[in-house]
């Protein structure tokens, strides 16, 4: 994922600082980790967040400064750093805490997600009606939704529509069971937000500096 990005000395140095601050081997996740490792949310979240931070650093080197930064889900944290509200090592530490909390609340293999293409929100909800272990997780844009399941994907259930596509993740990162994870990471999230001068970082928009 990040092999080429880490060839830049400044990005590599930032990676080492973030790794030390969060007690995680980001270099391994970005360069050496296999698909199975990166499917685990506690590994995927800090790796994805750092990719955003590293690319932001390269853009700023070219004098591309954001007037504001916004993000959804894991992007909320990258937005805080991109906007200059919080330092990159502090953000990665918070993301590591968040990923671990989500992994504890929704262990790998107990849920999954599927992307549904070509159906509107109402059609997705009709297809899931009466299913107690499946729900719409989020609506990314018109005609594209994600659904969460409490049972592993491929556990004997056929896709309800030919446009359903199973995501290769062992957990549903958006859905009712995510609440326990958010509660587990809440204290750290609030600390990050307070240091940035923002409220709880959900749907964050950080002014650029």
C-alpha atoms as a PDB file:
ATOM      1  CA  UNK A   1       0.000   0.000   0.000  1.00  0.00           C
ATOM      2  CA  UNK A   2       2.629   2.530   1.003  1.00  0.00           C
ATOM      3  CA  UNK A   3       5.866   1.241  -0.498  1.00  0.00           C
ATOM      4  CA  UNK A   4       6.252   4.085  -2.961  1.00  0.00           C
ATOM      5  CA  UNK A   5       5.099   6.706  -0.463  1.00  0.00           C
ATOM      6  CA  UNK A   6       7.759   5.668   2.067  1.00  0.00           C
ATOM      7  CA  UNK A   7      10.570   6.198  -0.437  1.00  0.00           C
ATOM      8  CA  UNK A   8      10.194   9.900   0.377  1.00  0.00           C
ATOM      9  CA  UNK A   9      12.559  10.651   3.306  1.00  0.00           C
ATOM     10  CA  UNK A  10      10.256  13.196   4.942  1.00  0.00           C
ATOM     11  CA  UNK A  11       7.246  10.869   4.776  1.00  0.00           C
ATOM     12  CA  UNK A  12       9.373   7.992   6.078  1.00  0.00           C
ATOM     13  CA  UNK A  13      10.507  10.109   9.030  1.00  0.00           C
ATOM     14  CA  UNK A  14       6.900  11.054   9.794  1.00  0.00           C
ATOM     15  CA  UNK A  15       5.979   7.363   9.636  1.00  0.00           C
ATOM     16  CA  UNK A  16       8.652   6.515  12.209  1.00  0.00           C
ATOM     17  CA  UNK A  17       7.474   9.279  14.552  1.00  0.00           C
ATOM     18  CA  UNK A  18       3.860   8.152  14.280  1.00  0.00           C
ATOM     19  CA  UNK A  19       4.858   4.529  14.866  1.00  0.00           C
ATOM     20  CA  UNK A  20       6.804   5.412  17.996  1.00  0.00           C
ATOM     21  CA  UNK A  21       4.028   7.598  19.372  1.00  0.00           C
ATOM     22  CA  UNK A  22       1.321   4.975  18.852  1.00  0.00           C
ATOM     23  CA  UNK A  23       3.419   1.857  19.585  1.00  0.00           C
ATOM     24  CA  UNK A  24       2.585   0.318  16.194  1.00  0.00           C
ATOM     25  CA  UNK A  25       4.718  -0.812  13.256  1.00  0.00           C
ATOM     26  CA  UNK A  26       3.322   1.368  10.496  1.00  0.00           C
ATOM     27  CA  UNK A  27       6.159   0.477   8.140  1.00  0.00           C
ATOM     28  CA  UNK A  28       5.159  -3.168   8.276  1.00  0.00           C
ATOM     29  CA  UNK A  29       1.489  -2.367   7.682  1.00  0.00           C
ATOM     30  CA  UNK A  30       2.300  -0.081   4.758  1.00  0.00           C
ATOM     31  CA  UNK A  31       4.955  -2.231   3.088  1.00  0.00           C
ATOM     32  CA  UNK A  32       5.040  -5.798   4.382  1.00  0.00           C
ATOM     33  CA  UNK A  33       1.529  -6.683   5.557  1.00  0.00           C
ATOM     34  CA  UNK A  34      -0.478  -9.144   3.494  1.00  0.00           C
ATOM     35  CA  UNK A  35      -4.168  -8.911   2.610  1.00  0.00           C
ATOM     36  CA  UNK A  36      -5.269 -10.914   5.626  1.00  0.00           C
ATOM     37  CA  UNK A  37      -3.511  -8.527   8.016  1.00  0.00           C
ATOM     38  CA  UNK A  38      -4.926  -5.457   6.309  1.00  0.00           C
ATOM     39  CA  UNK A  39      -8.477  -6.802   6.429  1.00  0.00           C
ATOM     40  CA  UNK A  40      -8.349  -6.465  10.222  1.00  0.00           C
ATOM     41  CA  UNK A  41      -9.745  -3.106  11.243  1.00  0.00           C
ATOM     42  CA  UNK A  42      -7.087  -2.512  13.917  1.00  0.00           C
ATOM     43  CA  UNK A  43      -4.474  -2.659  11.139  1.00  0.00           C
ATOM     44  CA  UNK A  44      -6.387  -1.108   8.256  1.00  0.00           C
ATOM     45  CA  UNK A  45      -7.412   2.058  10.091  1.00  0.00           C
ATOM     46  CA  UNK A  46      -3.938   3.393  11.038  1.00  0.00           C
ATOM     47  CA  UNK A  47      -2.543   2.336   7.653  1.00  0.00           C
ATOM     48  CA  UNK A  48      -5.273   4.168   5.725  1.00  0.00           C
ATOM     49  CA  UNK A  49      -5.040   7.212   7.963  1.00  0.00           C
ATOM     50  CA  UNK A  50      -1.285   7.477   7.510  1.00  0.00           C
ATOM     51  CA  UNK A  51      -1.631   7.229   3.737  1.00  0.00           C
ATOM     52  CA  UNK A  52      -3.782  10.339   3.910  1.00  0.00           C
ATOM     53  CA  UNK A  53      -1.274  12.104   6.152  1.00  0.00           C
ATOM     54  CA  UNK A  54       1.655  11.214   3.918  1.00  0.00           C
ATOM     55  CA  UNK A  55      -0.102  12.375   0.755  1.00  0.00           C
ATOM     56  CA  UNK A  56      -1.114  15.592   2.522  1.00  0.00           C
ATOM     57  CA  UNK A  57       2.533  16.222   3.364  1.00  0.00           C
ATOM     58  CA  UNK A  58       3.515  15.825  -0.306  1.00  0.00           C
ATOM     59  CA  UNK A  59       0.755  18.197  -1.403  1.00  0.00           C
ATOM     60  CA  UNK A  60       1.821  20.836   1.130  1.00  0.00           C
ATOM     61  CA  UNK A  61       5.378  20.576  -0.145  1.00  0.00           C
ATOM     62  CA  UNK A  62       3.971  21.684  -3.505  1.00  0.00           C
ATOM     63  CA  UNK A  63       2.270  24.619  -1.773  1.00  0.00           C
ATOM     64  CA  UNK A  64      -1.177  22.978  -1.944  1.00  0.00           C
ATOM     65  CA  UNK A  65      -2.690  24.112   1.357  1.00  0.00           C
ATOM     66  CA  UNK A  66      -6.283  23.191   2.242  1.00  0.00           C
ATOM     67  CA  UNK A  67      -8.691  25.972   3.135  1.00  0.00           C
ATOM     68  CA  UNK A  68     -10.562  23.337   5.136  1.00  0.00           C
ATOM     69  CA  UNK A  69     -10.428  19.583   5.631  1.00  0.00           C
ATOM     70  CA  UNK A  70     -13.388  17.261   6.105  1.00  0.00           C
ATOM     71  CA  UNK A  71     -13.695  13.534   6.516  1.00  0.00           C
ATOM     72  CA  UNK A  72     -16.088  10.666   7.118  1.00  0.00           C
ATOM     73  CA  UNK A  73     -15.361   7.853   9.583  1.00  0.00           C
ATOM     74  CA  UNK A  74     -11.586   7.263   9.617  1.00  0.00           C
ATOM     75  CA  UNK A  75     -11.254  10.346   7.409  1.00  0.00           C
ATOM     76  CA  UNK A  76     -12.404  12.488  10.340  1.00  0.00           C
ATOM     77  CA  UNK A  77      -9.051  11.946  12.004  1.00  0.00           C
ATOM     78  CA  UNK A  78      -6.966  12.522   8.892  1.00  0.00           C
ATOM     79  CA  UNK A  79      -8.916  15.749   8.367  1.00  0.00           C
ATOM     80  CA  UNK A  80      -7.896  17.042  11.803  1.00  0.00           C
ATOM     81  CA  UNK A  81      -4.230  16.542  10.949  1.00  0.00           C
ATOM     82  CA  UNK A  82      -4.560  17.798   7.359  1.00  0.00           C
ATOM     83  CA  UNK A  83      -6.170  20.997   8.630  1.00  0.00           C
ATOM     84  CA  UNK A  84      -3.321  21.527  11.080  1.00  0.00           C
ATOM     85  CA  UNK A  85      -5.550  21.182  14.140  1.00  0.00           C
ATOM     86  CA  UNK A  86      -3.751  18.166  15.617  1.00  0.00           C
ATOM     87  CA  UNK A  87      -0.314  16.661  15.048  1.00  0.00           C
ATOM     88  CA  UNK A  88       0.019  13.519  12.954  1.00  0.00           C
ATOM     89  CA  UNK A  89       1.444  11.307  15.758  1.00  0.00           C
ATOM     90  CA  UNK A  90      -1.452  12.226  18.043  1.00  0.00           C
ATOM     91  CA  UNK A  91      -3.984  11.429  15.339  1.00  0.00           C
ATOM     92  CA  UNK A  92      -2.418   8.030  14.583  1.00  0.00           C
ATOM     93  CA  UNK A  93      -2.440   7.198  18.295  1.00  0.00           C
ATOM     94  CA  UNK A  94      -6.151   7.993  18.445  1.00  0.00           C
ATOM     95  CA  UNK A  95      -6.835   5.903  15.339  1.00  0.00           C
ATOM     96  CA  UNK A  96      -4.963   2.940  16.815  1.00  0.00           C
ATOM     97  CA  UNK A  97      -7.121   3.192  19.953  1.00  0.00           C
ATOM     98  CA  UNK A  98     -10.249   3.416  17.810  1.00  0.00           C
ATOM     99  CA  UNK A  99      -9.291   0.418  15.679  1.00  0.00           C
ATOM    100  CA  UNK A 100      -8.580  -1.737  18.711  1.00  0.00           C
ATOM    101  CA  UNK A 101     -11.867  -0.754  20.323  1.00  0.00           C
ATOM    102  CA  UNK A 102     -13.793  -1.628  17.160  1.00  0.00           C
ATOM    103  CA  UNK A 103     -11.978  -4.966  16.867  1.00  0.00           C
ATOM    104  CA  UNK A 104     -12.929  -5.817  20.457  1.00  0.00           C
ATOM    105  CA  UNK A 105     -16.559  -4.797  19.989  1.00  0.00           C
ATOM    106  CA  UNK A 106     -16.963  -6.615  16.655  1.00  0.00           C
ATOM    107  CA  UNK A 107     -14.452  -9.503  16.503  1.00  0.00           C
ATOM    108  CA  UNK A 108     -13.240 -10.610  13.083  1.00  0.00           C
ATOM    109  CA  UNK A 109     -15.548 -13.158  11.486  1.00  0.00           C
ATOM    110  CA  UNK A 110     -18.685 -12.208  13.428  1.00  0.00           C
ATOM    111  CA  UNK A 111     -20.012  -9.820  10.771  1.00  0.00           C
ATOM    112  CA  UNK A 112     -19.368  -8.587   7.238  1.00  0.00           C
ATOM    113  CA  UNK A 113     -20.342  -5.909   4.741  1.00  0.00           C
ATOM    114  CA  UNK A 114     -21.557  -5.961   1.158  1.00  0.00           C
ATOM    115  CA  UNK A 115     -21.605  -3.163  -1.401  1.00  0.00           C
ATOM    116  CA  UNK A 116     -24.870  -2.875  -3.333  1.00  0.00           C
ATOM    117  CA  UNK A 117     -24.635  -1.165  -6.728  1.00  0.00           C
ATOM    118  CA  UNK A 118     -27.459   0.204  -8.829  1.00  0.00           C
ATOM    119  CA  UNK A 119     -30.229   0.241  -6.211  1.00  0.00           C
ATOM    120  CA  UNK A 120     -31.624   3.277  -4.446  1.00  0.00           C
ATOM    121  CA  UNK A 121     -32.005   3.464  -0.677  1.00  0.00           C
ATOM    122  CA  UNK A 122     -35.657   2.426  -0.685  1.00  0.00           C
ATOM    123  CA  UNK A 123     -34.988  -0.694  -2.755  1.00  0.00           C
ATOM    124  CA  UNK A 124     -32.189  -1.725  -0.392  1.00  0.00           C
ATOM    125  CA  UNK A 125     -34.442  -1.312   2.629  1.00  0.00           C
ATOM    126  CA  UNK A 126     -37.209  -3.358   0.977  1.00  0.00           C
ATOM    127  CA  UNK A 127     -34.744  -6.157   0.184  1.00  0.00           C
ATOM    128  CA  UNK A 128     -33.597  -6.274   3.803  1.00  0.00           C
ATOM    129  CA  UNK A 129     -37.088  -6.095   5.319  1.00  0.00           C
ATOM    130  CA  UNK A 130     -37.700  -8.915   7.766  1.00  0.00           C
ATOM    131  CA  UNK A 131     -34.023  -9.792   8.158  1.00  0.00           C
ATOM    132  CA  UNK A 132     -33.060  -9.299  11.786  1.00  0.00           C
ATOM    133  CA  UNK A 133     -29.336  -9.785  11.212  1.00  0.00           C
ATOM    134  CA  UNK A 134     -28.854  -7.418   8.267  1.00  0.00           C
ATOM    135  CA  UNK A 135     -29.254  -3.665   7.904  1.00  0.00           C
ATOM    136  CA  UNK A 136     -28.288  -0.751   5.651  1.00  0.00           C
ATOM    137  CA  UNK A 137     -24.949   0.465   7.007  1.00  0.00           C
ATOM    138  CA  UNK A 138     -24.526   3.671   5.015  1.00  0.00           C
ATOM    139  CA  UNK A 139     -25.467   5.273   1.695  1.00  0.00           C
ATOM    140  CA  UNK A 140     -22.300   6.360  -0.068  1.00  0.00           C
ATOM    141  CA  UNK A 141     -23.964   8.052  -3.017  1.00  0.00           C
ATOM    142  CA  UNK A 142     -26.928   7.672  -5.352  1.00  0.00           C
ATOM    143  CA  UNK A 143     -27.228   4.044  -6.329  1.00  0.00           C
ATOM    144  CA  UNK A 144     -24.494   2.744  -4.035  1.00  0.00           C
ATOM    145  CA  UNK A 145     -25.129   1.475  -0.518  1.00  0.00           C
ATOM    146  CA  UNK A 146     -23.446  -0.756   2.016  1.00  0.00           C
ATOM    147  CA  UNK A 147     -25.164  -3.313   4.185  1.00  0.00           C
ATOM    148  CA  UNK A 148     -23.933  -4.910   7.385  1.00  0.00           C
ATOM    149  CA  UNK A 149     -24.576  -8.433   8.645  1.00  0.00           C
ATOM    150  CA  UNK A 150     -24.068 -10.023  12.032  1.00  0.00           C
ATOM    151  CA  UNK A 151     -23.211 -13.354  10.364  1.00  0.00           C
ATOM    152  CA  UNK A 152     -20.071 -13.856   8.281  1.00  0.00           C
ATOM    153  CA  UNK A 153     -20.423 -13.282   4.563  1.00  0.00           C
ATOM    154  CA  UNK A 154     -20.877 -16.481   2.643  1.00  0.00           C
ATOM    155  CA  UNK A 155     -22.450 -18.191   5.645  1.00  0.00           C
ATOM    156  CA  UNK A 156     -25.002 -19.943   3.483  1.00  0.00           C
ATOM    157  CA  UNK A 157     -27.012 -16.871   2.472  1.00  0.00           C
ATOM    158  CA  UNK A 158     -27.287 -15.897  -1.190  1.00  0.00           C
ATOM    159  CA  UNK A 159     -27.060 -12.272  -2.288  1.00  0.00           C
ATOM    160  CA  UNK A 160     -30.536 -10.780  -2.350  1.00  0.00           C
ATOM    161  CA  UNK A 161     -29.940  -8.960  -5.637  1.00  0.00           C
ATOM    162  CA  UNK A 162     -27.546  -9.523  -8.570  1.00  0.00           C
ATOM    163  CA  UNK A 163     -25.967  -6.108  -7.990  1.00  0.00           C
ATOM    164  CA  UNK A 164     -24.837  -7.020  -4.466  1.00  0.00           C
ATOM    165  CA  UNK A 165     -21.081  -7.347  -4.099  1.00  0.00           C
ATOM    166  CA  UNK A 166     -19.457  -8.741  -0.968  1.00  0.00           C
ATOM    167  CA  UNK A 167     -16.695  -6.626   0.528  1.00  0.00           C
ATOM    168  CA  UNK A 168     -13.660  -8.577   1.642  1.00  0.00           C
ATOM    169  CA  UNK A 169     -13.780  -7.458   5.257  1.00  0.00           C
ATOM    170  CA  UNK A 170     -14.356  -9.689   8.299  1.00  0.00           C
ATOM    171  CA  UNK A 171     -16.498  -7.185  10.180  1.00  0.00           C
ATOM    172  CA  UNK A 172     -19.190  -4.573   9.637  1.00  0.00           C
ATOM    173  CA  UNK A 173     -17.485  -1.302  10.520  1.00  0.00           C
ATOM    174  CA  UNK A 174     -20.694   0.711  10.170  1.00  0.00           C
ATOM    175  CA  UNK A 175     -23.841  -0.461  11.883  1.00  0.00           C
ATOM    176  CA  UNK A 176     -25.543  -1.020  15.258  1.00  0.00           C
ATOM    177  CA  UNK A 177     -22.661  -2.962  16.791  1.00  0.00           C
ATOM    178  CA  UNK A 178     -20.242  -0.140  16.130  1.00  0.00           C
ATOM    179  CA  UNK A 179     -21.755   1.743  19.092  1.00  0.00           C
ATOM    180  CA  UNK A 180     -19.858  -0.340  21.636  1.00  0.00           C
ATOM    181  CA  UNK A 181     -16.602   0.425  19.864  1.00  0.00           C
ATOM    182  CA  UNK A 182     -17.334   4.126  19.796  1.00  0.00           C
ATOM    183  CA  UNK A 183     -18.023   4.049  23.530  1.00  0.00           C
ATOM    184  CA  UNK A 184     -14.721   2.264  24.108  1.00  0.00           C
ATOM    185  CA  UNK A 185     -12.747   4.896  22.186  1.00  0.00           C
ATOM    186  CA  UNK A 186     -14.775   7.904  23.325  1.00  0.00           C
ATOM    187  CA  UNK A 187     -12.346   9.217  25.957  1.00  0.00           C
ATOM    188  CA  UNK A 188      -9.455   9.282  23.512  1.00  0.00           C
ATOM    189  CA  UNK A 189     -11.579  10.834  20.769  1.00  0.00           C
ATOM    190  CA  UNK A 190     -12.685  13.594  23.096  1.00  0.00           C
ATOM    191  CA  UNK A 191      -9.096  14.280  24.128  1.00  0.00           C
ATOM    192  CA  UNK A 192      -8.063  14.663  20.490  1.00  0.00           C
ATOM    193  CA  UNK A 193     -11.021  16.922  19.761  1.00  0.00           C
ATOM    194  CA  UNK A 194     -10.387  19.062  22.834  1.00  0.00           C
ATOM    195  CA  UNK A 195      -6.754  19.595  21.904  1.00  0.00           C
ATOM    196  CA  UNK A 196      -7.910  20.677  18.458  1.00  0.00           C
ATOM    197  CA  UNK A 197     -10.504  23.095  19.809  1.00  0.00           C
ATOM    198  CA  UNK A 198     -13.369  21.129  18.224  1.00  0.00           C
ATOM    199  CA  UNK A 199     -16.272  19.135  19.524  1.00  0.00           C
ATOM    200  CA  UNK A 200     -16.393  15.356  19.260  1.00  0.00           C
ATOM    201  CA  UNK A 201     -14.701  14.520  15.949  1.00  0.00           C
ATOM    202  CA  UNK A 202     -17.616  12.893  14.153  1.00  0.00           C
ATOM    203  CA  UNK A 203     -18.077  14.428  10.727  1.00  0.00           C
ATOM    204  CA  UNK A 204     -15.085  16.664  11.359  1.00  0.00           C
ATOM    205  CA  UNK A 205     -14.410  19.792   9.372  1.00  0.00           C
ATOM    206  CA  UNK A 206     -11.100  21.346  10.381  1.00  0.00           C
ATOM    207  CA  UNK A 207     -10.101  24.802   9.137  1.00  0.00           C
ATOM    208  CA  UNK A 208      -6.844  24.857   7.246  1.00  0.00           C
ATOM    209  CA  UNK A 209      -3.908  26.803   8.520  1.00  0.00           C
END
